[in-house]
C-alpha cells in the first residue's frame, strides 16, 4: 500500500513537557454551563404539545358537532381549548427558561383537571366512567408534578 503512513514509535523519552516555574504556577478553573434544557423538560414539552393539540382539536370538534346537530355549543369545550392553548404556551415558555411559563402551565392544568373532574360527576340522568376520568386526569396530574421537579425549577431563571 503506497498511501499508508509509516507507523512511528514514540518512546517515553521523546515526550517533552513544558517547563515548571515551581510553586508559582497558577491553575485556571473553567466552569462549563449547560446550554440546553434538561432532557426531562424537553421530553415533557414534546408530549405536552402533542397532547394539548389533540385535546384542543377534540374539544373544538365536539363543539362543532353539538352546534351542527342543534344541541347548542357548550362553553366548556371552549374553556378546554383555551386551557390547552395556555398549557402549550407555558410549556414553550419553559424551554426559554422563563419561570412564568411554569406558572401559566400550572394554572391552565389545574383549571383543566378541575373542570374535567367536575364535569364528570355522575347525576341521576348521566353516568360517567371513573376509569375514563382517571385516564385523562391522572397523566395531567403526573405531568404537573414532573414539571415542578427540582431539576426543572432550577433551570428556570427568569
C-alpha atoms as a PDB file:
ATOM      1  CA  UNK A   1       0.000   0.000   0.000  1.00  0.00           C
ATOM      2  CA  UNK A   2       1.592   3.195  -1.114  1.00  0.00           C
ATOM      3  CA  UNK A   3      -0.997   5.520   0.502  1.00  0.00           C
ATOM      4  CA  UNK A   4      -0.456   4.380   4.062  1.00  0.00           C
ATOM      5  CA  UNK A   5       1.576   6.292   6.617  1.00  0.00           C
ATOM      6  CA  UNK A   6       4.564   4.715   8.227  1.00  0.00           C
ATOM      7  CA  UNK A   7       3.911   3.971  11.871  1.00  0.00           C
ATOM      8  CA  UNK A   8       6.016   5.983  14.259  1.00  0.00           C
ATOM      9  CA  UNK A   9       7.145   4.570  17.528  1.00  0.00           C
ATOM     10  CA  UNK A  10       7.354   7.094  20.322  1.00  0.00           C
ATOM     11  CA  UNK A  11       9.430   6.472  23.336  1.00  0.00           C
ATOM     12  CA  UNK A  12       8.627   7.989  26.723  1.00  0.00           C
ATOM     13  CA  UNK A  13      11.888   9.902  26.443  1.00  0.00           C
ATOM     14  CA  UNK A  14      10.654  11.638  23.262  1.00  0.00           C
ATOM     15  CA  UNK A  15       7.765  13.365  25.037  1.00  0.00           C
ATOM     16  CA  UNK A  16       8.536  16.909  26.131  1.00  0.00           C
ATOM     17  CA  UNK A  17       6.642  18.683  28.890  1.00  0.00           C
ATOM     18  CA  UNK A  18       6.536  22.466  29.404  1.00  0.00           C
ATOM     19  CA  UNK A  19       8.992  23.770  31.997  1.00  0.00           C
ATOM     20  CA  UNK A  20       7.796  24.205  35.556  1.00  0.00           C
ATOM     21  CA  UNK A  21       8.030  27.518  37.395  1.00  0.00           C
ATOM     22  CA  UNK A  22       7.998  25.898  40.758  1.00  0.00           C
ATOM     23  CA  UNK A  23       5.244  26.804  43.220  1.00  0.00           C
ATOM     24  CA  UNK A  24       4.200  29.955  41.380  1.00  0.00           C
ATOM     25  CA  UNK A  25       2.076  28.084  38.891  1.00  0.00           C
ATOM     26  CA  UNK A  26      -1.468  29.340  38.579  1.00  0.00           C
ATOM     27  CA  UNK A  27      -4.268  26.979  37.852  1.00  0.00           C
ATOM     28  CA  UNK A  28      -7.253  28.112  35.877  1.00  0.00           C
ATOM     29  CA  UNK A  29     -10.612  26.650  36.747  1.00  0.00           C
ATOM     30  CA  UNK A  30     -13.187  26.585  33.984  1.00  0.00           C
ATOM     31  CA  UNK A  31     -16.881  26.153  34.681  1.00  0.00           C
ATOM     32  CA  UNK A  32     -18.927  24.769  31.841  1.00  0.00           C
ATOM     33  CA  UNK A  33     -22.542  25.862  31.812  1.00  0.00           C
ATOM     34  CA  UNK A  34     -25.069  23.509  30.316  1.00  0.00           C
ATOM     35  CA  UNK A  35     -26.695  25.376  27.447  1.00  0.00           C
ATOM     36  CA  UNK A  36     -29.692  23.215  26.656  1.00  0.00           C
ATOM     37  CA  UNK A  37     -32.766  22.435  28.639  1.00  0.00           C
ATOM     38  CA  UNK A  38     -32.828  19.334  30.838  1.00  0.00           C
ATOM     39  CA  UNK A  39     -33.746  16.224  28.882  1.00  0.00           C
ATOM     40  CA  UNK A  40     -36.803  15.586  31.020  1.00  0.00           C
ATOM     41  CA  UNK A  41     -38.121  19.095  30.298  1.00  0.00           C
ATOM     42  CA  UNK A  42     -37.667  18.651  26.569  1.00  0.00           C
ATOM     43  CA  UNK A  43     -39.491  15.307  26.602  1.00  0.00           C
ATOM     44  CA  UNK A  44     -42.316  16.712  28.742  1.00  0.00           C
ATOM     45  CA  UNK A  45     -42.740  19.712  26.436  1.00  0.00           C
ATOM     46  CA  UNK A  46     -42.931  17.479  23.350  1.00  0.00           C
ATOM     47  CA  UNK A  47     -45.597  15.284  24.941  1.00  0.00           C
ATOM     48  CA  UNK A  48     -47.407  18.354  26.265  1.00  0.00           C
ATOM     49  CA  UNK A  49     -47.634  19.910  22.805  1.00  0.00           C
ATOM     50  CA  UNK A  50     -48.876  16.661  21.245  1.00  0.00           C
ATOM     51  CA  UNK A  51     -51.451  16.091  23.992  1.00  0.00           C
ATOM     52  CA  UNK A  52     -52.636  19.690  24.027  1.00  0.00           C
ATOM     53  CA  UNK A  53     -53.087  19.799  20.248  1.00  0.00           C
ATOM     54  CA  UNK A  54     -55.071  16.569  20.409  1.00  0.00           C
ATOM     55  CA  UNK A  55     -57.251  17.794  23.312  1.00  0.00           C
ATOM     56  CA  UNK A  56     -57.813  21.181  21.698  1.00  0.00           C
ATOM     57  CA  UNK A  57     -58.842  19.585  18.405  1.00  0.00           C
ATOM     58  CA  UNK A  58     -61.135  17.159  20.201  1.00  0.00           C
ATOM     59  CA  UNK A  59     -62.808  19.941  22.171  1.00  0.00           C
ATOM     60  CA  UNK A  60     -63.395  22.111  19.112  1.00  0.00           C
ATOM     61  CA  UNK A  61     -64.649  19.089  17.154  1.00  0.00           C
ATOM     62  CA  UNK A  62     -67.163  18.226  19.898  1.00  0.00           C
ATOM     63  CA  UNK A  63     -68.356  21.842  19.991  1.00  0.00           C
ATOM     64  CA  UNK A  64     -68.797  21.841  16.218  1.00  0.00           C
ATOM     65  CA  UNK A  65     -70.747  18.575  16.245  1.00  0.00           C
ATOM     66  CA  UNK A  66     -73.034  19.742  19.054  1.00  0.00           C
ATOM     67  CA  UNK A  67     -73.696  23.025  17.251  1.00  0.00           C
ATOM     68  CA  UNK A  68     -74.359  21.246  13.952  1.00  0.00           C
ATOM     69  CA  UNK A  69     -76.973  18.922  15.422  1.00  0.00           C
ATOM     70  CA  UNK A  70     -78.705  21.744  17.247  1.00  0.00           C
ATOM     71  CA  UNK A  71     -77.721  20.902  20.797  1.00  0.00           C
ATOM     72  CA  UNK A  72     -76.136  24.307  21.187  1.00  0.00           C
ATOM     73  CA  UNK A  73     -72.440  24.733  21.726  1.00  0.00           C
ATOM     74  CA  UNK A  74     -71.104  24.373  25.210  1.00  0.00           C
ATOM     75  CA  UNK A  75     -68.746  26.911  26.729  1.00  0.00           C
ATOM     76  CA  UNK A  76     -66.864  24.089  28.448  1.00  0.00           C
ATOM     77  CA  UNK A  77     -65.341  22.952  25.151  1.00  0.00           C
ATOM     78  CA  UNK A  78     -64.016  26.456  24.577  1.00  0.00           C
ATOM     79  CA  UNK A  79     -62.566  26.580  28.096  1.00  0.00           C
ATOM     80  CA  UNK A  80     -60.890  23.209  27.462  1.00  0.00           C
ATOM     81  CA  UNK A  81     -59.428  24.558  24.207  1.00  0.00           C
ATOM     82  CA  UNK A  82     -58.182  27.733  25.926  1.00  0.00           C
ATOM     83  CA  UNK A  83     -56.572  25.781  28.762  1.00  0.00           C
ATOM     84  CA  UNK A  84     -54.842  23.553  26.190  1.00  0.00           C
ATOM     85  CA  UNK A  85     -53.527  26.636  24.376  1.00  0.00           C
ATOM     86  CA  UNK A  86     -52.306  28.111  27.673  1.00  0.00           C
ATOM     87  CA  UNK A  87     -50.674  24.809  28.555  1.00  0.00           C
ATOM     88  CA  UNK A  88     -48.750  24.764  25.264  1.00  0.00           C
ATOM     89  CA  UNK A  89     -47.676  28.396  25.620  1.00  0.00           C
ATOM     90  CA  UNK A  90     -46.495  27.772  29.178  1.00  0.00           C
ATOM     91  CA  UNK A  91     -44.516  24.685  28.145  1.00  0.00           C
ATOM     92  CA  UNK A  92     -42.822  26.569  25.305  1.00  0.00           C
ATOM     93  CA  UNK A  93     -42.014  29.442  27.676  1.00  0.00           C
ATOM     94  CA  UNK A  94     -40.296  26.955  29.982  1.00  0.00           C
ATOM     95  CA  UNK A  95     -37.961  25.913  27.163  1.00  0.00           C
ATOM     96  CA  UNK A  96     -36.939  29.586  27.061  1.00  0.00           C
ATOM     97  CA  UNK A  97     -36.004  29.400  30.770  1.00  0.00           C
ATOM     98  CA  UNK A  98     -38.985  31.525  31.822  1.00  0.00           C
ATOM     99  CA  UNK A  99     -40.420  30.790  35.247  1.00  0.00           C
ATOM    100  CA  UNK A 100     -43.707  32.453  34.252  1.00  0.00           C
ATOM    101  CA  UNK A 101     -44.195  29.542  31.854  1.00  0.00           C
ATOM    102  CA  UNK A 102     -44.332  27.132  34.787  1.00  0.00           C
ATOM    103  CA  UNK A 103     -46.946  29.284  36.500  1.00  0.00           C
ATOM    104  CA  UNK A 104     -49.034  29.610  33.329  1.00  0.00           C
ATOM    105  CA  UNK A 105     -48.788  25.868  32.671  1.00  0.00           C
ATOM    106  CA  UNK A 106     -49.768  25.049  36.257  1.00  0.00           C
ATOM    107  CA  UNK A 107     -52.761  27.407  36.301  1.00  0.00           C
ATOM    108  CA  UNK A 108     -54.102  26.076  32.992  1.00  0.00           C
ATOM    109  CA  UNK A 109     -53.619  22.460  34.042  1.00  0.00           C
ATOM    110  CA  UNK A 110     -55.338  22.980  37.407  1.00  0.00           C
ATOM    111  CA  UNK A 111     -58.323  24.589  35.642  1.00  0.00           C
ATOM    112  CA  UNK A 112     -58.370  21.764  33.070  1.00  0.00           C
ATOM    113  CA  UNK A 113     -58.206  19.000  35.687  1.00  0.00           C
ATOM    114  CA  UNK A 114     -60.815  20.626  37.942  1.00  0.00           C
ATOM    115  CA  UNK A 115     -63.239  21.236  35.075  1.00  0.00           C
ATOM    116  CA  UNK A 116     -62.775  17.735  33.736  1.00  0.00           C
ATOM    117  CA  UNK A 117     -63.384  16.076  37.100  1.00  0.00           C
ATOM    118  CA  UNK A 118     -66.324  18.367  37.968  1.00  0.00           C
ATOM    119  CA  UNK A 119     -67.944  17.750  34.587  1.00  0.00           C
ATOM    120  CA  UNK A 120     -67.739  14.005  35.199  1.00  0.00           C
ATOM    121  CA  UNK A 121     -69.661  13.965  38.481  1.00  0.00           C
ATOM    122  CA  UNK A 122     -72.481  11.462  37.998  1.00  0.00           C
ATOM    123  CA  UNK A 123     -76.029  12.703  38.206  1.00  0.00           C
ATOM    124  CA  UNK A 124     -79.396  10.966  38.178  1.00  0.00           C
ATOM    125  CA  UNK A 125     -79.537  11.183  34.376  1.00  0.00           C
ATOM    126  CA  UNK A 126     -75.928  10.602  33.387  1.00  0.00           C
ATOM    127  CA  UNK A 127     -73.343   8.078  34.491  1.00  0.00           C
ATOM    128  CA  UNK A 128     -69.667   8.722  33.776  1.00  0.00           C
ATOM    129  CA  UNK A 129     -66.904   6.186  33.957  1.00  0.00           C
ATOM    130  CA  UNK A 130     -64.374   6.720  36.720  1.00  0.00           C
ATOM    131  CA  UNK A 131     -61.736   4.873  34.715  1.00  0.00           C
ATOM    132  CA  UNK A 132     -62.078   7.327  31.794  1.00  0.00           C
ATOM    133  CA  UNK A 133     -61.842  10.246  34.180  1.00  0.00           C
ATOM    134  CA  UNK A 134     -58.647   8.831  35.676  1.00  0.00           C
ATOM    135  CA  UNK A 135     -57.299   8.046  32.175  1.00  0.00           C
ATOM    136  CA  UNK A 136     -57.401  11.778  31.391  1.00  0.00           C
ATOM    137  CA  UNK A 137     -56.811  13.356  34.821  1.00  0.00           C
ATOM    138  CA  UNK A 138     -54.032  11.112  36.109  1.00  0.00           C
ATOM    139  CA  UNK A 139     -51.487  11.842  33.318  1.00  0.00           C
ATOM    140  CA  UNK A 140     -52.234  15.565  33.656  1.00  0.00           C
ATOM    141  CA  UNK A 141     -51.537  15.368  37.389  1.00  0.00           C
ATOM    142  CA  UNK A 142     -48.336  13.359  36.816  1.00  0.00           C
ATOM    143  CA  UNK A 143     -47.083  15.888  34.256  1.00  0.00           C
ATOM    144  CA  UNK A 144     -47.863  18.734  36.647  1.00  0.00           C
ATOM    145  CA  UNK A 145     -45.809  17.072  39.383  1.00  0.00           C
ATOM    146  CA  UNK A 146     -42.920  16.349  36.977  1.00  0.00           C
ATOM    147  CA  UNK A 147     -42.831  19.947  35.760  1.00  0.00           C
ATOM    148  CA  UNK A 148     -42.403  21.079  39.366  1.00  0.00           C
ATOM    149  CA  UNK A 149     -39.369  18.814  39.903  1.00  0.00           C
ATOM    150  CA  UNK A 150     -36.226  20.408  41.321  1.00  0.00           C
ATOM    151  CA  UNK A 151     -34.191  19.922  38.129  1.00  0.00           C
ATOM    152  CA  UNK A 152     -36.703  21.857  36.032  1.00  0.00           C
ATOM    153  CA  UNK A 153     -37.272  24.587  38.631  1.00  0.00           C
ATOM    154  CA  UNK A 154     -33.505  25.123  38.888  1.00  0.00           C
ATOM    155  CA  UNK A 155     -33.300  25.505  35.101  1.00  0.00           C
ATOM    156  CA  UNK A 156     -35.983  28.231  35.014  1.00  0.00           C
ATOM    157  CA  UNK A 157     -34.440  31.563  35.915  1.00  0.00           C
ATOM    158  CA  UNK A 158     -36.416  34.496  34.533  1.00  0.00           C
END
